[in-house]
Amino acid sequence: MKAFLIDRYGKSHGRIGEVPVPELGINDVLVEVHASSVNLLDSKIRKGEFKLILPYSFPLIMGNDLAGVVVRVGSGVHNFKAGDEVYARPPQSRIGAFAELIAVDESALALKPKNISMEQAAALPLVALTAWQVLVETARLKKGQKVFIHAGSGGVGTIAIQLAKHLGAFVATTTSTSNVGWVKALGADVVIDYKQQNFESVLRDYDVVLNSLGPVELEKSLSILKPGGQLISISGPPTPEFAQEQKLFWGLGWVMRLLSSGIRRKARKQDVRYAFVFMRASGAQLKKITALVESEIITPVIDRTFPLESTAEALSYVERGRAKGKVVIKLI
């Protein structure tokens, strides 16, 4: 079968190659991939930024999102059957969605929302699960609370805005000048043009911040939070708690403690809680997201679509940071 893979780490590495059909474990579901989508995580994995946390072997088939049709199932699978339309973010240890076929653990899969296309479904799992695990699971966002979401026109931002509004929150976000009206239409109450204003000069007394940007924006976010607020980052720095969750050896835990010590100390000084969220696969949570999509509460946003043969170009496009919503790889 065809797949986009890398033979070693590096920003420009990657090729289309022929690889064996994946072996099917007892609890696995073999899926014919109709569409996948590109995330910044793919770029970071390709460059080797997670090699200490995620020790992949080569050749490595890339891809962290998929939508497709079940071909066959392992003997221990009871919730899916051949012909089912499904979508998933595969477990981080077994990525490989930029391929014609992928074996996915049953626990990571959910039935695809009936009211959207394969391409739209492929745009959802990683970003929707990230938004869910930040806002619902970690922040426990409540009706009437105020949440600030960095980069509202990005993959995570577009879904997080819609989810936060569904939860009853007051939502502020940032975007560039050309996207202000478009992002406001997603449901944001306050949209700050970062080319014209600094968010830290405009916003006050927020309950939650979802940070997806760098350390400068992370630290500035502290100033807009009220005492007891939560600063939740999906872009780091990772915490000692994350090291424990990932069962990393003690040396890496110490490094993560050191990397996050500054922001954790500043957060404590302002009576703010800092947390790092590294999204995990969950078919159960995707099932809840499916219900929101079918109720038209959440709508996936697609910027561009590329064929599998142009995956390297799609990665480069995402790395430029100008995509509105998600970039999709269409296989069928």
C-alpha atoms as a PDB file:
ATOM      1  CA  MET A   1       0.000   0.000   0.000  1.00  0.00           C
ATOM      2  CA  LYS A   2       1.048   3.638  -0.478  1.00  0.00           C
ATOM      3  CA  ALA A   3       2.013   5.833   2.482  1.00  0.00           C
ATOM      4  CA  PHE A   4       3.854   9.045   3.316  1.00  0.00           C
ATOM      5  CA  LEU A   5       6.776   8.143   5.563  1.00  0.00           C
ATOM      6  CA  ILE A   6      10.079   9.376   6.919  1.00  0.00           C
ATOM      7  CA  ASP A   7      13.327   7.434   7.199  1.00  0.00           C
ATOM      8  CA  ARG A   8      14.921   9.842   9.687  1.00  0.00           C
ATOM      9  CA  TYR A   9      14.135  13.054  11.485  1.00  0.00           C
ATOM     10  CA  GLY A  10      14.471  16.373   9.701  1.00  0.00           C
ATOM     11  CA  LYS A  11      12.307  19.293   8.597  1.00  0.00           C
ATOM     12  CA  SER A  12      12.365  18.459   4.895  1.00  0.00           C
ATOM     13  CA  HIS A  13      12.299  14.670   5.096  1.00  0.00           C
ATOM     14  CA  GLY A  14       9.432  12.528   3.826  1.00  0.00           C
ATOM     15  CA  ARG A  15       8.506  10.468   0.802  1.00  0.00           C
ATOM     16  CA  ILE A  16       5.694   8.459  -0.715  1.00  0.00           C
ATOM     17  CA  GLY A  17       6.577   4.766  -0.566  1.00  0.00           C
ATOM     18  CA  GLU A  18       5.167   1.247  -0.696  1.00  0.00           C
ATOM     19  CA  VAL A  19       4.774  -0.387   2.719  1.00  0.00           C
ATOM     20  CA  PRO A  20       3.210  -3.648   3.943  1.00  0.00           C
ATOM     21  CA  VAL A  21      -0.433  -3.737   4.990  1.00  0.00           C
ATOM     22  CA  PRO A  22      -0.470  -3.325   8.798  1.00  0.00           C
ATOM     23  CA  GLU A  23      -0.881  -6.416  10.932  1.00  0.00           C
ATOM     24  CA  LEU A  24      -4.151  -6.692  12.807  1.00  0.00           C
ATOM     25  CA  GLY A  25      -4.090  -7.279  16.575  1.00  0.00           C
ATOM     26  CA  ILE A  26      -6.898  -8.855  18.588  1.00  0.00           C
ATOM     27  CA  ASN A  27      -8.401  -5.460  19.485  1.00  0.00           C
ATOM     28  CA  ASP A  28      -7.530  -3.722  16.219  1.00  0.00           C
ATOM     29  CA  VAL A  29      -9.724  -2.440  13.414  1.00  0.00           C
ATOM     30  CA  LEU A  30      -8.285  -2.265   9.895  1.00  0.00           C
ATOM     31  CA  VAL A  31      -9.513   0.944   8.253  1.00  0.00           C
ATOM     32  CA  GLU A  32      -9.336   1.954   4.610  1.00  0.00           C
ATOM     33  CA  VAL A  33      -8.343   5.617   4.936  1.00  0.00           C
ATOM     34  CA  HIS A  34     -10.459   7.946   2.799  1.00  0.00           C
ATOM     35  CA  ALA A  35      -9.046  11.161   4.276  1.00  0.00           C
ATOM     36  CA  SER A  36      -6.532  12.352   6.842  1.00  0.00           C
ATOM     37  CA  SER A  37      -5.565  15.814   8.039  1.00  0.00           C
ATOM     38  CA  VAL A  38      -2.338  17.624   8.807  1.00  0.00           C
ATOM     39  CA  ASN A  39      -1.501  18.996  12.250  1.00  0.00           C
ATOM     40  CA  LEU A  40       1.439  20.972  13.600  1.00  0.00           C
ATOM     41  CA  LEU A  41       2.097  17.841  15.644  1.00  0.00           C
ATOM     42  CA  ASP A  42       3.006  16.056  12.394  1.00  0.00           C
ATOM     43  CA  SER A  43       5.626  18.693  11.659  1.00  0.00           C
ATOM     44  CA  LYS A  44       7.046  18.471  15.175  1.00  0.00           C
ATOM     45  CA  ILE A  45       7.245  14.684  14.987  1.00  0.00           C
ATOM     46  CA  ARG A  46       8.966  14.864  11.595  1.00  0.00           C
ATOM     47  CA  LYS A  47      11.579  17.285  12.974  1.00  0.00           C
ATOM     48  CA  GLY A  48      12.226  15.010  15.967  1.00  0.00           C
ATOM     49  CA  GLU A  49      10.903  17.359  18.641  1.00  0.00           C
ATOM     50  CA  PHE A  50       9.178  14.487  20.462  1.00  0.00           C
ATOM     51  CA  LYS A  51      11.814  11.785  20.010  1.00  0.00           C
ATOM     52  CA  LEU A  52      12.547  11.580  23.751  1.00  0.00           C
ATOM     53  CA  ILE A  53       8.860  11.275  24.625  1.00  0.00           C
ATOM     54  CA  LEU A  54       7.708   9.216  21.628  1.00  0.00           C
ATOM     55  CA  PRO A  55      10.516   6.845  20.580  1.00  0.00           C
ATOM     56  CA  TYR A  56       9.338   5.938  17.093  1.00  0.00           C
ATOM     57  CA  SER A  57      11.217   3.506  14.855  1.00  0.00           C
ATOM     58  CA  PHE A  58      11.897   3.996  11.142  1.00  0.00           C
ATOM     59  CA  PRO A  59      10.561   3.983   8.529  1.00  0.00           C
ATOM     60  CA  LEU A  60       7.746   5.897  10.229  1.00  0.00           C
ATOM     61  CA  ILE A  61       4.389   6.400   8.529  1.00  0.00           C
ATOM     62  CA  MET A  62       3.146   9.844   9.459  1.00  0.00           C
ATOM     63  CA  GLY A  63      -0.405  11.045  10.189  1.00  0.00           C
ATOM     64  CA  ASN A  64      -2.488  11.625  13.328  1.00  0.00           C
ATOM     65  CA  ASP A  65      -6.063  11.956  11.990  1.00  0.00           C
ATOM     66  CA  LEU A  66      -8.214   9.730   9.826  1.00  0.00           C
ATOM     67  CA  ALA A  67     -11.665   9.009   8.492  1.00  0.00           C
ATOM     68  CA  GLY A  68     -12.501   5.913   6.500  1.00  0.00           C
ATOM     69  CA  VAL A  69     -14.285   2.589   6.214  1.00  0.00           C
ATOM     70  CA  VAL A  70     -13.698  -0.555   8.270  1.00  0.00           C
ATOM     71  CA  VAL A  71     -12.226  -3.393   6.188  1.00  0.00           C
ATOM     72  CA  ARG A  72     -12.015  -6.075   8.889  1.00  0.00           C
ATOM     73  CA  VAL A  73     -11.718  -6.389  12.646  1.00  0.00           C
ATOM     74  CA  GLY A  74      -9.699  -8.378  15.163  1.00  0.00           C
ATOM     75  CA  SER A  75     -11.240 -11.270  17.076  1.00  0.00           C
ATOM     76  CA  GLY A  76     -11.674  -9.158  20.221  1.00  0.00           C
ATOM     77  CA  VAL A  77     -13.499  -6.271  18.536  1.00  0.00           C
ATOM     78  CA  HIS A  78     -17.240  -6.055  19.258  1.00  0.00           C
ATOM     79  CA  ASN A  79     -18.255  -2.456  18.524  1.00  0.00           C
ATOM     80  CA  PHE A  80     -17.300  -2.187  14.847  1.00  0.00           C
ATOM     81  CA  LYS A  81     -17.811  -4.275  11.721  1.00  0.00           C
ATOM     82  CA  ALA A  82     -16.733  -4.241   8.090  1.00  0.00           C
ATOM     83  CA  GLY A  83     -18.390  -1.404   6.193  1.00  0.00           C
ATOM     84  CA  ASP A  84     -18.708   0.980   9.157  1.00  0.00           C
ATOM     85  CA  GLU A  85     -17.710   4.575   8.470  1.00  0.00           C
ATOM     86  CA  VAL A  86     -15.371   5.648  11.279  1.00  0.00           C
ATOM     87  CA  TYR A  87     -12.945   8.360  12.330  1.00  0.00           C
ATOM     88  CA  ALA A  88     -10.135   8.531  14.877  1.00  0.00           C
ATOM     89  CA  ARG A  89      -6.977  10.009  16.218  1.00  0.00           C
ATOM     90  CA  PRO A  90      -4.894   6.819  16.532  1.00  0.00           C
ATOM     91  CA  PRO A  91      -2.979   6.249  19.787  1.00  0.00           C
ATOM     92  CA  GLN A  92       0.277   8.241  19.777  1.00  0.00           C
ATOM     93  CA  SER A  93       2.391   5.086  19.774  1.00  0.00           C
ATOM     94  CA  ARG A  94       0.764   3.820  16.559  1.00  0.00           C
ATOM     95  CA  ILE A  95       0.281   6.779  14.243  1.00  0.00           C
ATOM     96  CA  GLY A  96       0.232   6.276  10.477  1.00  0.00           C
ATOM     97  CA  ALA A  97      -2.862   7.882   8.973  1.00  0.00           C
ATOM     98  CA  PHE A  98      -1.075   9.158   5.832  1.00  0.00           C
ATOM     99  CA  ALA A  99      -1.584   5.725   4.287  1.00  0.00           C
ATOM    100  CA  GLU A 100      -4.143   3.732   2.351  1.00  0.00           C
ATOM    101  CA  LEU A 101      -4.757   1.437   5.339  1.00  0.00           C
ATOM    102  CA  ILE A 102      -4.207   1.720   9.095  1.00  0.00           C
ATOM    103  CA  ALA A 103      -4.783  -0.616  12.047  1.00  0.00           C
ATOM    104  CA  VAL A 104      -6.349   1.293  14.946  1.00  0.00           C
ATOM    105  CA  ASP A 105      -7.120   0.071  18.455  1.00  0.00           C
ATOM    106  CA  GLU A 106     -10.891  -0.192  18.886  1.00  0.00           C
ATOM    107  CA  SER A 107     -10.769   2.129  21.914  1.00  0.00           C
ATOM    108  CA  ALA A 108      -9.631   5.068  19.731  1.00  0.00           C
ATOM    109  CA  LEU A 109     -12.380   4.749  17.101  1.00  0.00           C
ATOM    110  CA  ALA A 110     -15.850   6.231  16.810  1.00  0.00           C
ATOM    111  CA  LEU A 111     -18.523   6.105  14.138  1.00  0.00           C
ATOM    112  CA  LYS A 112     -18.191   9.047  11.755  1.00  0.00           C
ATOM    113  CA  PRO A 113     -20.839  11.782  12.106  1.00  0.00           C
ATOM    114  CA  LYS A 114     -23.531  11.043   9.529  1.00  0.00           C
ATOM    115  CA  ASN A 115     -24.027  14.640   8.414  1.00  0.00           C
ATOM    116  CA  ILE A 116     -20.474  15.426   7.251  1.00  0.00           C
ATOM    117  CA  SER A 117     -18.079  14.191   4.564  1.00  0.00           C
ATOM    118  CA  MET A 118     -15.022  12.008   5.062  1.00  0.00           C
ATOM    119  CA  GLU A 119     -12.820  15.066   4.541  1.00  0.00           C
ATOM    120  CA  GLN A 120     -14.681  17.025   7.217  1.00  0.00           C
ATOM    121  CA  ALA A 121     -14.555  14.077   9.616  1.00  0.00           C
ATOM    122  CA  ALA A 122     -10.788  13.682   9.108  1.00  0.00           C
ATOM    123  CA  ALA A 123     -10.349  17.340  10.091  1.00  0.00           C
ATOM    124  CA  LEU A 124     -11.805  16.772  13.547  1.00  0.00           C
ATOM    125  CA  PRO A 125     -10.303  14.094  15.813  1.00  0.00           C
ATOM    126  CA  LEU A 126      -7.030  15.604  17.044  1.00  0.00           C
ATOM    127  CA  VAL A 127      -8.245  19.202  17.346  1.00  0.00           C
ATOM    128  CA  ALA A 128     -11.669  18.310  18.740  1.00  0.00           C
ATOM    129  CA  LEU A 129     -10.195  15.940  21.325  1.00  0.00           C
ATOM    130  CA  THR A 130      -7.666  18.626  22.261  1.00  0.00           C
ATOM    131  CA  ALA A 131     -10.416  21.208  22.763  1.00  0.00           C
ATOM    132  CA  TRP A 132     -12.499  18.708  24.746  1.00  0.00           C
ATOM    133  CA  GLN A 133      -9.627  17.637  27.002  1.00  0.00           C
ATOM    134  CA  VAL A 134      -8.662  21.259  27.707  1.00  0.00           C
ATOM    135  CA  LEU A 135     -12.097  22.824  28.182  1.00  0.00           C
ATOM    136  CA  VAL A 136     -14.262  19.975  29.479  1.00  0.00           C
ATOM    137  CA  GLU A 137     -11.827  17.611  31.176  1.00  0.00           C
ATOM    138  CA  THR A 138      -9.110  19.915  32.532  1.00  0.00           C
ATOM    139  CA  ALA A 139     -10.718  23.356  32.895  1.00  0.00           C
ATOM    140  CA  ARG A 140     -14.213  22.013  33.661  1.00  0.00           C
ATOM    141  CA  LEU A 141     -15.485  25.137  31.951  1.00  0.00           C
ATOM    142  CA  LYS A 142     -18.838  26.307  33.306  1.00  0.00           C
ATOM    143  CA  LYS A 143     -21.644  28.456  31.972  1.00  0.00           C
ATOM    144  CA  GLY A 144     -20.914  32.144  32.455  1.00  0.00           C
ATOM    145  CA  GLN A 145     -17.144  31.753  32.774  1.00  0.00           C
ATOM    146  CA  LYS A 146     -14.769  33.699  30.533  1.00  0.00           C
ATOM    147  CA  VAL A 147     -12.267  31.846  28.358  1.00  0.00           C
ATOM    148  CA  PHE A 148      -9.520  33.249  26.138  1.00  0.00           C
ATOM    149  CA  ILE A 149      -8.468  31.049  23.219  1.00  0.00           C
ATOM    150  CA  HIS A 150      -5.261  31.984  21.399  1.00  0.00           C
ATOM    151  CA  ALA A 151      -5.237  31.751  17.575  1.00  0.00           C
ATOM    152  CA  GLY A 152      -8.941  31.492  16.910  1.00  0.00           C
ATOM    153  CA  SER A 153      -8.579  30.792  13.190  1.00  0.00           C
ATOM    154  CA  GLY A 154      -6.322  27.755  13.694  1.00  0.00           C
ATOM    155  CA  GLY A 155      -7.311  24.101  13.815  1.00  0.00           C
ATOM    156  CA  VAL A 156      -7.755  23.895  17.582  1.00  0.00           C
ATOM    157  CA  GLY A 157      -9.046  27.456  17.863  1.00  0.00           C
ATOM    158  CA  THR A 158     -11.938  27.042  15.430  1.00  0.00           C
ATOM    159  CA  ILE A 159     -13.268  24.008  17.318  1.00  0.00           C
ATOM    160  CA  ALA A 160     -12.493  25.337  20.816  1.00  0.00           C
ATOM    161  CA  ILE A 161     -14.507  28.507  20.154  1.00  0.00           C
ATOM    162  CA  GLN A 162     -17.554  26.476  19.115  1.00  0.00           C
ATOM    163  CA  LEU A 163     -17.238  24.072  22.051  1.00  0.00           C
ATOM    164  CA  ALA A 164     -16.740  26.871  24.598  1.00  0.00           C
ATOM    165  CA  LYS A 165     -19.859  28.676  23.346  1.00  0.00           C
ATOM    166  CA  HIS A 166     -21.823  25.422  23.596  1.00  0.00           C
ATOM    167  CA  LEU A 167     -20.683  25.161  27.230  1.00  0.00           C
ATOM    168  CA  GLY A 168     -22.073  28.635  27.871  1.00  0.00           C
ATOM    169  CA  ALA A 169     -18.797  30.533  28.207  1.00  0.00           C
ATOM    170  CA  PHE A 170     -17.937  34.081  27.148  1.00  0.00           C
ATOM    171  CA  VAL A 171     -15.205  33.647  24.538  1.00  0.00           C
ATOM    172  CA  ALA A 172     -12.366  35.939  23.487  1.00  0.00           C
ATOM    173  CA  THR A 173      -9.754  35.078  20.882  1.00  0.00           C
ATOM    174  CA  THR A 174      -7.082  36.515  18.583  1.00  0.00           C
ATOM    175  CA  THR A 175      -6.595  36.402  14.833  1.00  0.00           C
ATOM    176  CA  SER A 176      -5.163  38.477  12.003  1.00  0.00           C
ATOM    177  CA  THR A 177      -6.944  41.453  10.432  1.00  0.00           C
ATOM    178  CA  SER A 178      -8.398  39.573   7.470  1.00  0.00           C
ATOM    179  CA  ASN A 179      -9.957  36.871   9.668  1.00  0.00           C
ATOM    180  CA  VAL A 180     -11.664  39.013  12.342  1.00  0.00           C
ATOM    181  CA  GLY A 181     -15.190  38.843  10.889  1.00  0.00           C
ATOM    182  CA  TRP A 182     -14.837  35.186   9.961  1.00  0.00           C
ATOM    183  CA  VAL A 183     -13.733  34.181  13.478  1.00  0.00           C
ATOM    184  CA  LYS A 184     -16.513  36.247  15.053  1.00  0.00           C
ATOM    185  CA  ALA A 185     -18.978  34.264  12.935  1.00  0.00           C
ATOM    186  CA  LEU A 186     -17.723  31.085  14.653  1.00  0.00           C
ATOM    187  CA  GLY A 187     -19.199  32.457  17.880  1.00  0.00           C
ATOM    188  CA  ALA A 188     -16.418  34.410  19.594  1.00  0.00           C
ATOM    189  CA  ASP A 189     -17.707  37.350  21.676  1.00  0.00           C
ATOM    190  CA  VAL A 190     -14.473  39.334  21.476  1.00  0.00           C
ATOM    191  CA  VAL A 191     -12.031  39.028  18.575  1.00  0.00           C
ATOM    192  CA  ILE A 192      -8.716  40.849  18.931  1.00  0.00           C
ATOM    193  CA  ASP A 193      -6.729  41.686  15.818  1.00  0.00           C
ATOM    194  CA  TYR A 194      -3.232  40.875  17.065  1.00  0.00           C
ATOM    195  CA  LYS A 195      -1.733  43.124  14.407  1.00  0.00           C
ATOM    196  CA  GLN A 196      -3.547  46.108  15.896  1.00  0.00           C
ATOM    197  CA  GLN A 197      -3.883  45.335  19.627  1.00  0.00           C
ATOM    198  CA  ASN A 198      -2.160  43.418  22.405  1.00  0.00           C
ATOM    199  CA  PHE A 199      -4.561  41.008  24.059  1.00  0.00           C
ATOM    200  CA  GLU A 200      -3.012  41.602  27.494  1.00  0.00           C
ATOM    201  CA  SER A 201      -3.938  45.298  27.250  1.00  0.00           C
ATOM    202  CA  VAL A 202      -7.584  44.568  26.432  1.00  0.00           C
ATOM    203  CA  LEU A 203      -8.657  41.523  28.459  1.00  0.00           C
ATOM    204  CA  ARG A 204      -9.135  41.228  32.241  1.00  0.00           C
ATOM    205  CA  ASP A 205     -10.486  38.767  34.818  1.00  0.00           C
ATOM    206  CA  TYR A 206     -10.651  35.648  32.678  1.00  0.00           C
ATOM    207  CA  ASP A 207     -11.239  32.213  34.192  1.00  0.00           C
ATOM    208  CA  VAL A 208      -9.399  30.101  31.605  1.00  0.00           C
ATOM    209  CA  VAL A 209      -6.754  30.598  28.916  1.00  0.00           C
ATOM    210  CA  LEU A 210      -6.095  27.983  26.218  1.00  0.00           C
ATOM    211  CA  ASN A 211      -2.558  28.651  24.990  1.00  0.00           C
ATOM    212  CA  SER A 212      -1.299  27.138  21.746  1.00  0.00           C
ATOM    213  CA  LEU A 213       1.496  29.623  21.044  1.00  0.00           C
ATOM    214  CA  GLY A 214       4.977  30.292  22.411  1.00  0.00           C
ATOM    215  CA  PRO A 215       6.471  31.245  25.789  1.00  0.00           C
ATOM    216  CA  VAL A 216       5.963  35.001  25.295  1.00  0.00           C
ATOM    217  CA  GLU A 217       2.206  34.625  24.794  1.00  0.00           C
ATOM    218  CA  LEU A 218       2.083  32.077  27.604  1.00  0.00           C
ATOM    219  CA  GLU A 219       3.568  34.471  30.142  1.00  0.00           C
ATOM    220  CA  LYS A 220       1.459  37.417  28.955  1.00  0.00           C
ATOM    221  CA  SER A 221      -1.626  35.258  29.450  1.00  0.00           C
ATOM    222  CA  LEU A 222      -1.057  35.232  33.212  1.00  0.00           C
ATOM    223  CA  SER A 223      -1.916  38.927  33.424  1.00  0.00           C
ATOM    224  CA  ILE A 224      -5.464  38.480  32.108  1.00  0.00           C
ATOM    225  CA  LEU A 225      -6.455  35.692  34.516  1.00  0.00           C
ATOM    226  CA  LYS A 226      -8.359  36.278  37.731  1.00  0.00           C
ATOM    227  CA  PRO A 227      -7.152  34.684  41.006  1.00  0.00           C
ATOM    228  CA  GLY A 228      -8.065  31.015  40.890  1.00  0.00           C
ATOM    229  CA  GLY A 229      -7.916  31.037  37.087  1.00  0.00           C
ATOM    230  CA  GLN A 230      -6.380  28.350  34.888  1.00  0.00           C
ATOM    231  CA  LEU A 231      -3.629  28.698  32.305  1.00  0.00           C
ATOM    232  CA  ILE A 232      -3.734  25.569  30.136  1.00  0.00           C
ATOM    233  CA  SER A 233      -1.132  25.111  27.413  1.00  0.00           C
ATOM    234  CA  ILE A 234      -1.038  22.580  24.594  1.00  0.00           C
ATOM    235  CA  SER A 235       2.332  23.836  23.342  1.00  0.00           C
ATOM    236  CA  GLY A 236       4.340  23.499  26.531  1.00  0.00           C
ATOM    237  CA  PRO A 237       6.330  23.619  28.592  1.00  0.00           C
ATOM    238  CA  PRO A 238       5.423  20.143  29.893  1.00  0.00           C
ATOM    239  CA  THR A 239       5.054  19.542  33.617  1.00  0.00           C
ATOM    240  CA  PRO A 240       6.258  16.848  36.048  1.00  0.00           C
ATOM    241  CA  GLU A 241       2.666  15.544  36.101  1.00  0.00           C
ATOM    242  CA  PHE A 242       2.863  14.994  32.341  1.00  0.00           C
ATOM    243  CA  ALA A 243       6.073  12.988  32.790  1.00  0.00           C
ATOM    244  CA  GLN A 244       4.296  10.793  35.343  1.00  0.00           C
ATOM    245  CA  GLU A 245       1.280  10.273  33.073  1.00  0.00           C
ATOM    246  CA  GLN A 246       3.565   9.254  30.197  1.00  0.00           C
ATOM    247  CA  LYS A 247       5.614   7.024  32.511  1.00  0.00           C
ATOM    248  CA  LEU A 248       8.836   8.703  31.389  1.00  0.00           C
ATOM    249  CA  PHE A 249      12.071   7.889  33.165  1.00  0.00           C
ATOM    250  CA  TRP A 250      13.000  10.079  36.134  1.00  0.00           C
ATOM    251  CA  GLY A 251      15.613  12.091  34.212  1.00  0.00           C
ATOM    252  CA  LEU A 252      13.040  13.360  31.718  1.00  0.00           C
ATOM    253  CA  GLY A 253      10.691  14.142  34.575  1.00  0.00           C
ATOM    254  CA  TRP A 254      13.403  16.271  36.147  1.00  0.00           C
ATOM    255  CA  VAL A 255      13.980  18.085  32.836  1.00  0.00           C
ATOM    256  CA  MET A 256      10.266  18.826  32.514  1.00  0.00           C
ATOM    257  CA  ARG A 257      10.136  20.056  36.088  1.00  0.00           C
ATOM    258  CA  LEU A 258      12.979  22.429  35.234  1.00  0.00           C
ATOM    259  CA  LEU A 259      11.471  23.581  31.915  1.00  0.00           C
ATOM    260  CA  SER A 260       8.131  24.460  33.500  1.00  0.00           C
ATOM    261  CA  SER A 261       9.430  25.755  36.836  1.00  0.00           C
ATOM    262  CA  GLY A 262       9.386  29.409  35.741  1.00  0.00           C
ATOM    263  CA  ILE A 263       5.783  29.519  34.513  1.00  0.00           C
ATOM    264  CA  ARG A 264       4.562  27.356  37.400  1.00  0.00           C
ATOM    265  CA  ARG A 265       6.227  29.669  39.919  1.00  0.00           C
ATOM    266  CA  LYS A 266       4.758  32.802  38.301  1.00  0.00           C
ATOM    267  CA  ALA A 267       1.337  31.151  38.136  1.00  0.00           C
ATOM    268  CA  ARG A 268       1.421  30.256  41.840  1.00  0.00           C
ATOM    269  CA  LYS A 269       2.430  33.837  42.682  1.00  0.00           C
ATOM    270  CA  GLN A 270      -0.750  35.064  40.960  1.00  0.00           C
ATOM    271  CA  ASP A 271      -2.916  32.283  42.437  1.00  0.00           C
ATOM    272  CA  VAL A 272      -3.303  30.730  38.983  1.00  0.00           C
ATOM    273  CA  ARG A 273      -3.039  27.032  38.119  1.00  0.00           C
ATOM    274  CA  TYR A 274      -0.799  26.054  35.195  1.00  0.00           C
ATOM    275  CA  ALA A 275      -1.436  22.794  33.340  1.00  0.00           C
ATOM    276  CA  PHE A 276       0.005  21.186  30.220  1.00  0.00           C
ATOM    277  CA  VAL A 277      -2.307  19.036  28.082  1.00  0.00           C
ATOM    278  CA  PHE A 278      -0.935  16.501  25.608  1.00  0.00           C
ATOM    279  CA  MET A 279      -3.966  15.174  23.802  1.00  0.00           C
ATOM    280  CA  ARG A 280      -4.639  11.446  23.999  1.00  0.00           C
ATOM    281  CA  ALA A 281      -6.753   9.227  21.776  1.00  0.00           C
ATOM    282  CA  SER A 282     -10.275   8.478  23.021  1.00  0.00           C
ATOM    283  CA  GLY A 283     -13.076   6.894  21.065  1.00  0.00           C
ATOM    284  CA  ALA A 284     -15.454   7.519  23.983  1.00  0.00           C
ATOM    285  CA  GLN A 285     -14.854  11.274  23.829  1.00  0.00           C
ATOM    286  CA  LEU A 286     -15.061  11.246  20.026  1.00  0.00           C
ATOM    287  CA  LYS A 287     -18.513   9.669  20.376  1.00  0.00           C
ATOM    288  CA  LYS A 288     -19.604  12.718  22.406  1.00  0.00           C
ATOM    289  CA  ILE A 289     -18.093  15.005  19.779  1.00  0.00           C
ATOM    290  CA  THR A 290     -20.005  13.092  17.091  1.00  0.00           C
ATOM    291  CA  ALA A 291     -23.241  13.983  18.870  1.00  0.00           C
ATOM    292  CA  LEU A 292     -22.284  17.680  18.860  1.00  0.00           C
ATOM    293  CA  VAL A 293     -21.420  17.555  15.151  1.00  0.00           C
ATOM    294  CA  GLU A 294     -24.676  15.799  14.248  1.00  0.00           C
ATOM    295  CA  SER A 295     -26.552  18.443  16.280  1.00  0.00           C
ATOM    296  CA  GLU A 296     -24.702  21.113  14.242  1.00  0.00           C
ATOM    297  CA  ILE A 297     -23.184  22.570  17.411  1.00  0.00           C
ATOM    298  CA  ILE A 298     -19.683  21.953  16.072  1.00  0.00           C
ATOM    299  CA  THR A 299     -18.797  22.320  12.393  1.00  0.00           C
ATOM    300  CA  PRO A 300     -15.347  21.355  11.082  1.00  0.00           C
ATOM    301  CA  VAL A 301     -13.451  24.030   9.155  1.00  0.00           C
ATOM    302  CA  ILE A 302     -11.294  23.063   6.143  1.00  0.00           C
ATOM    303  CA  ASP A 303      -8.804  25.433   4.530  1.00  0.00           C
ATOM    304  CA  ARG A 304      -7.366  23.314   1.710  1.00  0.00           C
ATOM    305  CA  THR A 305      -7.280  19.732   0.477  1.00  0.00           C
ATOM    306  CA  PHE A 306      -4.241  17.926  -0.979  1.00  0.00           C
ATOM    307  CA  PRO A 307      -3.796  14.447  -2.515  1.00  0.00           C
ATOM    308  CA  LEU A 308      -1.605  11.916  -0.710  1.00  0.00           C
ATOM    309  CA  GLU A 309       1.175  12.509  -3.260  1.00  0.00           C
ATOM    310  CA  SER A 310       1.345  16.170  -2.121  1.00  0.00           C
ATOM    311  CA  THR A 311       1.580  15.485   1.615  1.00  0.00           C
ATOM    312  CA  ALA A 312       5.004  17.153   1.862  1.00  0.00           C
ATOM    313  CA  GLU A 313       3.520  20.296   0.311  1.00  0.00           C
ATOM    314  CA  ALA A 314       0.593  20.129   2.743  1.00  0.00           C
ATOM    315  CA  LEU A 315       3.000  19.915   5.694  1.00  0.00           C
ATOM    316  CA  SER A 316       4.886  22.960   4.442  1.00  0.00           C
ATOM    317  CA  TYR A 317       1.629  24.866   4.074  1.00  0.00           C
ATOM    318  CA  VAL A 318       0.607  24.106   7.665  1.00  0.00           C
ATOM    319  CA  GLU A 319       4.052  25.053   8.964  1.00  0.00           C
ATOM    320  CA  ARG A 320       3.573  28.563   7.558  1.00  0.00           C
ATOM    321  CA  GLY A 321       0.833  29.070  10.141  1.00  0.00           C
ATOM    322  CA  ARG A 322      -1.696  30.748   7.871  1.00  0.00           C
ATOM    323  CA  ALA A 323      -4.288  27.986   7.486  1.00  0.00           C
ATOM    324  CA  LYS A 324      -7.886  28.794   8.449  1.00  0.00           C
ATOM    325  CA  GLY A 325      -8.998  25.626  10.181  1.00  0.00           C
ATOM    326  CA  LYS A 326      -7.558  22.340   8.939  1.00  0.00           C
ATOM    327  CA  VAL A 327      -5.625  21.073   5.923  1.00  0.00           C
ATOM    328  CA  VAL A 328      -6.862  17.727   4.653  1.00  0.00           C
ATOM    329  CA  ILE A 329      -5.210  14.861   2.768  1.00  0.00           C
ATOM    330  CA  LYS A 330      -7.712  13.143   0.462  1.00  0.00           C
ATOM    331  CA  LEU A 331      -6.954   9.530  -0.453  1.00  0.00           C
ATOM    332  CA  ILE A 332     -10.273   8.365  -1.921  1.00  0.00           C
END
